[in-house]
């Protein structure tokens, strides 16, 4: 049931962000709770707390660097024109959901996936911004579906 709820949340986030660049805000804390519970079930408490703390710190540092780059170089409204609030909330939700190494791999490949997908579809889009949370949720949806069906690797043991 937990896996199904996670997949449903990822589908809804992906659909809403890709379709309208707007996602119901409550989906992100709900996804964080679901992913966090799944992570907690597969980890010792101390490892869970350490991983979540490290992951949240890394996301915060990355967002801080992006913000500084925006202030110094791009000079646009950060949460309106450069990076969406949904993107921020999604990154924190995923940070809670996985051990640090798995999180880093998922983060890097989801951003790479999003970039490739945006390059492929941007000419068909009336928007000029990439739906990062939507594409990253689609990536995570595919990754988790394949992983849970095929049992390829335990993402919580990496």
N, C-alpha and C. Protein backbone atom coordinates (compact mmCIF):
# COMPACT_ATOMS: atom_id res chain seq x y z
N UNK A 1 0.82 -1.20 0.00
CA UNK A 1 0.00 0.00 0.00
C UNK A 1 0.87 1.27 0.00
N UNK A 2 1.96 1.23 0.78
CA UNK A 2 2.87 2.38 0.84
C UNK A 2 3.47 2.67 -0.54
N UNK A 3 3.90 1.62 -1.21
CA UNK A 3 4.48 1.79 -2.55
C UNK A 3 3.47 2.39 -3.51
N UNK A 4 2.24 1.92 -3.45
CA UNK A 4 1.18 2.44 -4.33
C UNK A 4 0.93 3.92 -4.05
N UNK A 5 0.90 4.31 -2.79
CA UNK A 5 0.68 5.71 -2.44
C UNK A 5 1.83 6.59 -2.93
N UNK A 6 3.04 6.09 -2.81
CA UNK A 6 4.20 6.84 -3.32
C UNK A 6 4.07 7.04 -4.83
N UNK A 7 3.75 5.97 -5.55
CA UNK A 7 3.62 6.06 -7.01
C UNK A 7 2.50 7.01 -7.41
N UNK A 8 1.37 6.96 -6.70
CA UNK A 8 0.24 7.85 -7.00
C UNK A 8 0.66 9.31 -6.80
N UNK A 9 1.34 9.60 -5.72
CA UNK A 9 1.81 10.97 -5.48
C UNK A 9 2.78 11.43 -6.58
N UNK A 10 3.68 10.55 -6.99
CA UNK A 10 4.62 10.90 -8.05
C UNK A 10 3.90 11.15 -9.37
N UNK A 11 2.89 10.35 -9.67
CA UNK A 11 2.11 10.54 -10.90
C UNK A 11 1.41 11.89 -10.87
N UNK A 12 0.76 12.21 -9.76
CA UNK A 12 0.01 13.47 -9.66
C UNK A 12 0.96 14.67 -9.74
N UNK A 13 2.07 14.61 -9.03
CA UNK A 13 3.05 15.72 -9.08
C UNK A 13 3.58 15.89 -10.49
N UNK A 14 3.93 14.80 -11.13
CA UNK A 14 4.45 14.86 -12.49
C UNK A 14 3.41 15.45 -13.44
N UNK A 15 2.20 14.95 -13.37
CA UNK A 15 1.15 15.43 -14.27
C UNK A 15 0.88 16.92 -14.06
N UNK A 16 0.69 17.33 -12.81
CA UNK A 16 0.35 18.73 -12.54
C UNK A 16 1.48 19.67 -12.95
N UNK A 17 2.71 19.30 -12.65
CA UNK A 17 3.83 20.19 -12.96
C UNK A 17 4.07 20.29 -14.45
N UNK A 18 4.00 19.18 -15.15
CA UNK A 18 4.23 19.20 -16.59
C UNK A 18 3.08 19.92 -17.30
N UNK A 19 1.86 19.67 -16.86
CA UNK A 19 0.68 20.24 -17.51
C UNK A 19 0.53 21.74 -17.25
N UNK A 20 0.66 22.17 -15.99
CA UNK A 20 0.32 23.56 -15.65
C UNK A 20 1.41 24.32 -14.90
N UNK A 21 2.53 23.68 -14.58
CA UNK A 21 3.59 24.29 -13.78
C UNK A 21 3.07 24.72 -12.40
N UNK A 22 2.03 24.06 -11.94
CA UNK A 22 1.47 24.29 -10.61
C UNK A 22 1.14 22.95 -9.99
N UNK A 23 1.59 22.76 -8.76
CA UNK A 23 1.33 21.50 -8.05
C UNK A 23 0.74 21.86 -6.70
N UNK A 24 -0.27 21.11 -6.28
CA UNK A 24 -0.83 21.33 -4.95
C UNK A 24 0.28 21.16 -3.92
N UNK A 25 0.48 22.16 -3.09
CA UNK A 25 1.61 22.18 -2.16
C UNK A 25 1.61 21.01 -1.19
N UNK A 26 0.42 20.56 -0.78
CA UNK A 26 0.34 19.50 0.23
C UNK A 26 0.84 18.15 -0.28
N UNK A 27 0.99 18.00 -1.58
CA UNK A 27 1.51 16.75 -2.13
C UNK A 27 2.98 16.53 -1.74
N UNK A 28 3.72 17.62 -1.60
CA UNK A 28 5.15 17.49 -1.28
C UNK A 28 5.39 17.02 0.16
N UNK A 29 4.73 17.60 1.17
CA UNK A 29 4.91 17.04 2.52
C UNK A 29 4.36 15.61 2.62
N UNK A 30 3.29 15.33 1.89
CA UNK A 30 2.74 13.97 1.91
C UNK A 30 3.75 13.00 1.28
N UNK A 31 4.35 13.40 0.16
CA UNK A 31 5.37 12.56 -0.47
C UNK A 31 6.57 12.39 0.45
N UNK A 32 6.98 13.47 1.11
CA UNK A 32 8.10 13.39 2.06
C UNK A 32 7.79 12.41 3.18
N UNK A 33 6.57 12.44 3.69
CA UNK A 33 6.18 11.52 4.76
C UNK A 33 6.19 10.08 4.27
N UNK A 34 5.66 9.85 3.07
CA UNK A 34 5.62 8.49 2.52
C UNK A 34 7.03 7.96 2.23
N UNK A 35 7.83 8.76 1.57
CA UNK A 35 9.20 8.33 1.27
C UNK A 35 10.01 8.19 2.56
N UNK A 36 9.80 9.11 3.49
CA UNK A 36 10.50 9.04 4.77
C UNK A 36 10.14 7.79 5.54
N UNK A 37 8.86 7.43 5.53
CA UNK A 37 8.43 6.21 6.23
C UNK A 37 9.04 4.98 5.58
N UNK A 38 9.07 4.96 4.25
CA UNK A 38 9.68 3.84 3.54
C UNK A 38 11.17 3.74 3.89
N UNK A 39 11.85 4.88 3.90
CA UNK A 39 13.27 4.92 4.26
C UNK A 39 13.46 4.44 5.70
N UNK A 40 12.63 4.92 6.60
CA UNK A 40 12.73 4.56 8.02
C UNK A 40 12.53 3.05 8.22
N UNK A 41 11.61 2.47 7.47
CA UNK A 41 11.34 1.03 7.59
C UNK A 41 12.54 0.17 7.18
N UNK A 42 13.38 0.71 6.32
CA UNK A 42 14.52 -0.05 5.80
C UNK A 42 15.85 0.32 6.47
N UNK A 43 15.81 1.15 7.51
CA UNK A 43 17.05 1.64 8.11
C UNK A 43 16.99 1.58 9.63
N UNK A 44 18.14 1.56 10.23
CA UNK A 44 18.22 1.78 11.67
C UNK A 44 17.93 3.26 11.94
N UNK A 45 17.37 3.56 13.09
CA UNK A 45 16.97 4.93 13.41
C UNK A 45 18.13 5.91 13.27
N UNK A 46 19.29 5.56 13.81
CA UNK A 46 20.43 6.47 13.78
C UNK A 46 20.92 6.70 12.35
N UNK A 47 20.87 5.68 11.52
CA UNK A 47 21.27 5.82 10.11
C UNK A 47 20.26 6.68 9.36
N UNK A 48 18.98 6.49 9.68
CA UNK A 48 17.92 7.30 9.07
C UNK A 48 18.12 8.78 9.39
N UNK A 49 18.31 9.09 10.67
CA UNK A 49 18.49 10.48 11.09
C UNK A 49 19.74 11.09 10.46
N UNK A 50 20.84 10.35 10.46
CA UNK A 50 22.08 10.85 9.85
C UNK A 50 21.90 11.12 8.36
N UNK A 51 21.30 10.18 7.65
CA UNK A 51 21.11 10.34 6.20
C UNK A 51 20.21 11.53 5.90
N UNK A 52 19.10 11.64 6.62
CA UNK A 52 18.18 12.75 6.38
C UNK A 52 18.87 14.08 6.67
N UNK A 53 19.62 14.15 7.76
CA UNK A 53 20.33 15.38 8.09
C UNK A 53 21.35 15.77 7.03
N UNK A 54 22.13 14.80 6.59
CA UNK A 54 23.13 15.06 5.55
C UNK A 54 22.46 15.47 4.24
N UNK A 55 21.41 14.76 3.86
CA UNK A 55 20.71 15.06 2.60
C UNK A 55 20.09 16.45 2.62
N UNK A 56 19.44 16.80 3.72
CA UNK A 56 18.82 18.12 3.83
C UNK A 56 19.90 19.21 3.80
N UNK A 57 21.01 18.96 4.45
CA UNK A 57 22.12 19.92 4.42
C UNK A 57 22.65 20.09 3.00
N UNK A 58 22.79 18.99 2.27
CA UNK A 58 23.28 19.08 0.88
C UNK A 58 22.31 19.86 -0.01
N UNK A 59 21.02 19.58 0.12
CA UNK A 59 20.03 20.31 -0.68
C UNK A 59 20.08 21.79 -0.32
N UNK A 60 20.20 22.10 0.96
CA UNK A 60 20.27 23.49 1.39
C UNK A 60 21.49 24.20 0.83
N UNK A 61 22.64 23.53 0.83
CA UNK A 61 23.86 24.12 0.27
C UNK A 61 23.70 24.33 -1.24
N UNK A 62 23.17 23.34 -1.93
CA UNK A 62 22.96 23.47 -3.38
C UNK A 62 22.03 24.64 -3.68
N UNK A 63 20.92 24.72 -2.95
CA UNK A 63 19.97 25.82 -3.16
C UNK A 63 20.60 27.16 -2.80
N UNK A 64 21.42 27.18 -1.76
CA UNK A 64 22.12 28.42 -1.40
C UNK A 64 23.06 28.89 -2.49
N UNK A 65 23.79 27.96 -3.07
CA UNK A 65 24.70 28.30 -4.18
C UNK A 65 23.90 28.79 -5.39
N UNK A 66 22.80 28.10 -5.69
CA UNK A 66 21.95 28.55 -6.80
C UNK A 66 21.40 29.95 -6.54
N UNK A 67 21.00 30.19 -5.31
CA UNK A 67 20.46 31.51 -4.95
C UNK A 67 21.53 32.59 -5.11
N UNK A 68 22.72 32.33 -4.61
CA UNK A 68 23.82 33.30 -4.76
C UNK A 68 24.16 33.54 -6.22
N UNK A 69 24.21 32.48 -7.00
CA UNK A 69 24.47 32.62 -8.44
C UNK A 69 23.38 33.48 -9.08
N UNK A 70 22.14 33.24 -8.66
CA UNK A 70 21.03 34.02 -9.18
C UNK A 70 21.16 35.50 -8.81
N UNK A 71 21.48 35.78 -7.56
CA UNK A 71 21.60 37.16 -7.10
C UNK A 71 22.75 37.88 -7.81
N UNK A 72 23.88 37.19 -7.96
CA UNK A 72 25.07 37.84 -8.51
C UNK A 72 25.11 37.86 -10.03
N UNK A 73 24.60 36.83 -10.69
CA UNK A 73 24.75 36.71 -12.14
C UNK A 73 23.43 36.89 -12.88
N UNK A 74 22.45 36.07 -12.56
CA UNK A 74 21.20 36.06 -13.33
C UNK A 74 20.33 37.27 -13.02
N UNK A 75 20.22 37.62 -11.75
CA UNK A 75 19.48 38.80 -11.29
C UNK A 75 18.00 38.76 -11.67
N UNK A 76 17.36 37.62 -11.39
CA UNK A 76 15.92 37.48 -11.58
C UNK A 76 15.31 37.03 -10.26
N UNK A 77 13.99 37.06 -10.17
CA UNK A 77 13.31 36.60 -8.97
C UNK A 77 13.50 35.09 -8.85
N UNK A 78 14.18 34.66 -7.78
CA UNK A 78 14.60 33.27 -7.66
C UNK A 78 13.44 32.29 -7.68
N UNK A 79 12.46 32.46 -6.80
CA UNK A 79 11.37 31.49 -6.70
C UNK A 79 10.23 31.75 -7.67
N UNK A 80 10.39 32.70 -8.55
CA UNK A 80 9.35 32.95 -9.55
C UNK A 80 9.83 32.66 -10.97
N UNK A 81 11.05 33.05 -11.26
CA UNK A 81 11.54 32.94 -12.63
C UNK A 81 12.65 31.91 -12.82
N UNK A 82 13.39 31.61 -11.76
CA UNK A 82 14.55 30.74 -11.90
C UNK A 82 14.27 29.33 -11.40
N UNK A 83 13.69 29.23 -10.24
CA UNK A 83 13.48 27.95 -9.58
C UNK A 83 12.12 28.00 -8.91
N UNK A 84 11.32 26.98 -9.09
CA UNK A 84 9.98 26.98 -8.50
C UNK A 84 9.97 26.46 -7.07
N UNK A 85 9.00 26.92 -6.31
CA UNK A 85 8.85 26.44 -4.94
C UNK A 85 8.59 24.93 -4.92
N UNK A 86 7.84 24.44 -5.90
CA UNK A 86 7.60 23.01 -6.01
C UNK A 86 8.88 22.23 -6.22
N UNK A 87 9.80 22.79 -6.98
CA UNK A 87 11.10 22.14 -7.19
C UNK A 87 11.87 22.02 -5.88
N UNK A 88 11.84 23.10 -5.09
CA UNK A 88 12.51 23.10 -3.79
C UNK A 88 11.89 22.05 -2.87
N UNK A 89 10.55 22.06 -2.79
CA UNK A 89 9.86 21.11 -1.91
C UNK A 89 10.09 19.68 -2.36
N UNK A 90 10.13 19.45 -3.66
CA UNK A 90 10.38 18.10 -4.17
C UNK A 90 11.78 17.62 -3.77
N UNK A 91 12.77 18.49 -3.90
CA UNK A 91 14.14 18.10 -3.52
C UNK A 91 14.22 17.71 -2.05
N UNK A 92 13.55 18.48 -1.20
CA UNK A 92 13.56 18.14 0.23
C UNK A 92 12.79 16.85 0.50
N UNK A 93 11.70 16.61 -0.23
CA UNK A 93 10.94 15.37 -0.04
C UNK A 93 11.79 14.16 -0.39
N UNK A 94 12.51 14.24 -1.50
CA UNK A 94 13.36 13.12 -1.91
C UNK A 94 14.55 12.97 -0.95
N UNK A 95 15.03 14.09 -0.41
CA UNK A 95 16.14 14.04 0.55
C UNK A 95 15.78 13.24 1.79
N UNK A 96 14.52 13.28 2.18
CA UNK A 96 14.06 12.54 3.35
C UNK A 96 13.89 11.06 3.03
N UNK A 97 13.70 10.75 1.77
CA UNK A 97 13.29 9.41 1.38
C UNK A 97 14.36 8.38 1.13
N UNK A 98 15.63 8.77 1.11
CA UNK A 98 16.66 7.80 0.72
C UNK A 98 17.95 8.01 1.51
N UNK A 99 18.74 6.94 1.65
CA UNK A 99 20.08 7.09 2.23
C UNK A 99 20.92 8.01 1.35
N UNK A 100 21.96 8.56 1.90
CA UNK A 100 22.73 9.62 1.24
C UNK A 100 23.26 9.22 -0.14
N UNK A 101 23.89 8.08 -0.27
CA UNK A 101 24.46 7.70 -1.56
C UNK A 101 23.35 7.50 -2.59
N UNK A 102 22.29 6.82 -2.21
CA UNK A 102 21.15 6.64 -3.12
C UNK A 102 20.56 7.99 -3.50
N UNK A 103 20.43 8.87 -2.53
CA UNK A 103 19.88 10.20 -2.79
C UNK A 103 20.73 10.95 -3.81
N UNK A 104 22.05 10.92 -3.63
CA UNK A 104 22.93 11.63 -4.56
C UNK A 104 22.82 11.07 -5.97
N UNK A 105 22.78 9.75 -6.09
CA UNK A 105 22.64 9.13 -7.41
C UNK A 105 21.30 9.51 -8.03
N UNK A 106 20.23 9.43 -7.25
CA UNK A 106 18.90 9.79 -7.75
C UNK A 106 18.87 11.26 -8.14
N UNK A 107 19.44 12.13 -7.32
CA UNK A 107 19.45 13.57 -7.61
C UNK A 107 20.17 13.87 -8.92
N UNK A 108 21.36 13.34 -9.07
CA UNK A 108 22.16 13.61 -10.28
C UNK A 108 21.45 13.08 -11.53
N UNK A 109 21.00 11.83 -11.47
CA UNK A 109 20.38 11.25 -12.66
C UNK A 109 19.00 11.84 -12.95
N UNK A 110 18.27 12.27 -11.93
CA UNK A 110 16.97 12.89 -12.19
C UNK A 110 17.15 14.26 -12.84
N UNK A 111 18.18 15.00 -12.44
CA UNK A 111 18.46 16.29 -13.07
C UNK A 111 18.94 16.08 -14.51
N UNK A 112 19.79 15.10 -14.71
CA UNK A 112 20.25 14.77 -16.06
C UNK A 112 19.07 14.33 -16.94
N UNK A 113 18.20 13.46 -16.42
CA UNK A 113 17.00 13.02 -17.11
C UNK A 113 16.11 14.22 -17.46
N UNK A 114 15.93 15.12 -16.50
CA UNK A 114 15.10 16.31 -16.72
C UNK A 114 15.67 17.20 -17.82
N UNK A 115 16.98 17.37 -17.82
CA UNK A 115 17.63 18.19 -18.84
C UNK A 115 17.43 17.59 -20.23
N UNK A 116 17.68 16.31 -20.36
CA UNK A 116 17.51 15.65 -21.66
C UNK A 116 16.06 15.71 -22.12
N UNK A 117 15.14 15.44 -21.20
CA UNK A 117 13.71 15.47 -21.55
C UNK A 117 13.28 16.88 -21.94
N UNK A 118 13.75 17.90 -21.21
CA UNK A 118 13.38 19.28 -21.53
C UNK A 118 13.94 19.69 -22.90
N UNK A 119 15.16 19.31 -23.20
CA UNK A 119 15.74 19.61 -24.52
C UNK A 119 14.89 18.97 -25.62
N UNK A 120 14.39 17.76 -25.36
CA UNK A 120 13.59 17.05 -26.36
C UNK A 120 12.20 17.65 -26.54
N UNK A 121 11.59 18.20 -25.49
CA UNK A 121 10.19 18.64 -25.60
C UNK A 121 10.00 20.15 -25.59
N UNK A 122 11.05 20.93 -25.37
CA UNK A 122 10.85 22.38 -25.21
C UNK A 122 10.31 23.06 -26.47
N UNK A 123 10.60 22.52 -27.62
CA UNK A 123 10.09 23.15 -28.84
C UNK A 123 8.58 22.96 -28.99
N UNK A 124 8.02 22.00 -28.26
CA UNK A 124 6.58 21.76 -28.30
C UNK A 124 5.85 22.44 -27.15
N UNK A 125 6.59 23.10 -26.28
CA UNK A 125 6.01 23.71 -25.08
C UNK A 125 5.83 25.21 -25.26
N UNK A 126 4.73 25.72 -24.73
CA UNK A 126 4.52 27.16 -24.75
C UNK A 126 5.22 27.83 -23.57
N UNK A 127 5.69 27.04 -22.62
CA UNK A 127 6.42 27.55 -21.45
C UNK A 127 7.91 27.66 -21.79
N UNK A 128 8.58 28.56 -21.11
CA UNK A 128 10.03 28.66 -21.33
C UNK A 128 10.84 28.17 -20.13
N UNK A 129 10.15 27.54 -19.17
CA UNK A 129 10.84 26.97 -18.01
C UNK A 129 10.58 25.47 -17.96
N UNK A 130 11.57 24.74 -17.50
CA UNK A 130 11.45 23.28 -17.39
C UNK A 130 10.72 22.92 -16.10
N UNK A 131 9.80 21.97 -16.16
CA UNK A 131 9.12 21.51 -14.95
C UNK A 131 9.99 20.50 -14.20
N UNK A 132 10.98 21.00 -13.46
CA UNK A 132 11.96 20.12 -12.82
C UNK A 132 11.30 19.11 -11.89
N UNK A 133 10.39 19.56 -11.03
CA UNK A 133 9.73 18.63 -10.10
C UNK A 133 8.93 17.59 -10.88
N UNK A 134 8.30 18.00 -11.96
CA UNK A 134 7.51 17.06 -12.77
C UNK A 134 8.38 16.02 -13.45
N UNK A 135 9.45 16.47 -14.08
CA UNK A 135 10.35 15.53 -14.75
C UNK A 135 11.09 14.64 -13.75
N UNK A 136 11.51 15.23 -12.63
CA UNK A 136 12.20 14.44 -11.60
C UNK A 136 11.25 13.42 -10.99
N UNK A 137 9.97 13.79 -10.82
CA UNK A 137 9.00 12.80 -10.29
C UNK A 137 8.78 11.69 -11.29
N UNK A 138 8.76 12.04 -12.57
CA UNK A 138 8.62 11.02 -13.60
C UNK A 138 9.81 10.06 -13.55
N UNK A 139 11.00 10.61 -13.41
CA UNK A 139 12.20 9.77 -13.29
C UNK A 139 12.11 8.85 -12.08
N UNK A 140 11.72 9.42 -10.93
CA UNK A 140 11.62 8.63 -9.71
C UNK A 140 10.51 7.58 -9.83
N UNK A 141 9.43 7.94 -10.49
CA UNK A 141 8.33 7.00 -10.74
C UNK A 141 8.83 5.80 -11.54
N UNK A 142 9.56 6.06 -12.60
CA UNK A 142 10.11 4.98 -13.44
C UNK A 142 11.12 4.15 -12.64
N UNK A 143 12.03 4.83 -11.95
CA UNK A 143 13.05 4.14 -11.17
C UNK A 143 12.43 3.23 -10.11
N UNK A 144 11.50 3.76 -9.33
CA UNK A 144 10.89 2.96 -8.26
C UNK A 144 10.04 1.83 -8.82
N UNK A 145 9.31 2.10 -9.90
CA UNK A 145 8.48 1.05 -10.51
C UNK A 145 9.33 -0.11 -10.99
N UNK A 146 10.38 0.21 -11.73
CA UNK A 146 11.27 -0.83 -12.24
C UNK A 146 11.95 -1.56 -11.08
N UNK A 147 12.37 -0.81 -10.09
CA UNK A 147 13.05 -1.40 -8.94
C UNK A 147 12.13 -2.31 -8.14
N UNK A 148 10.91 -1.87 -7.89
CA UNK A 148 9.99 -2.67 -7.08
C UNK A 148 9.46 -3.88 -7.84
N UNK A 149 9.28 -3.75 -9.15
CA UNK A 149 8.80 -4.89 -9.94
C UNK A 149 9.93 -5.88 -10.19
N UNK A 150 11.09 -5.35 -10.58
CA UNK A 150 12.21 -6.22 -10.93
C UNK A 150 13.10 -6.60 -9.77
N UNK A 151 13.02 -5.86 -8.68
CA UNK A 151 13.87 -6.14 -7.53
C UNK A 151 15.35 -6.10 -7.85
N UNK A 152 15.73 -5.17 -8.71
CA UNK A 152 17.12 -5.11 -9.18
C UNK A 152 18.11 -4.81 -8.06
N UNK A 153 17.82 -3.78 -7.28
CA UNK A 153 18.76 -3.37 -6.23
C UNK A 153 17.95 -2.73 -5.11
N UNK A 154 18.39 -2.92 -3.91
CA UNK A 154 17.72 -2.29 -2.77
C UNK A 154 18.30 -0.89 -2.60
N UNK A 155 17.50 0.11 -2.91
CA UNK A 155 17.96 1.50 -2.84
C UNK A 155 18.31 1.93 -1.43
N UNK A 156 17.87 1.18 -0.43
CA UNK A 156 18.12 1.56 0.96
C UNK A 156 19.39 0.93 1.51
N UNK A 157 20.05 0.10 0.73
CA UNK A 157 21.29 -0.53 1.18
C UNK A 157 22.53 0.06 0.53
N UNK A 158 22.34 1.01 -0.34
CA UNK A 158 23.48 1.62 -1.04
C UNK A 158 24.11 2.66 -0.13
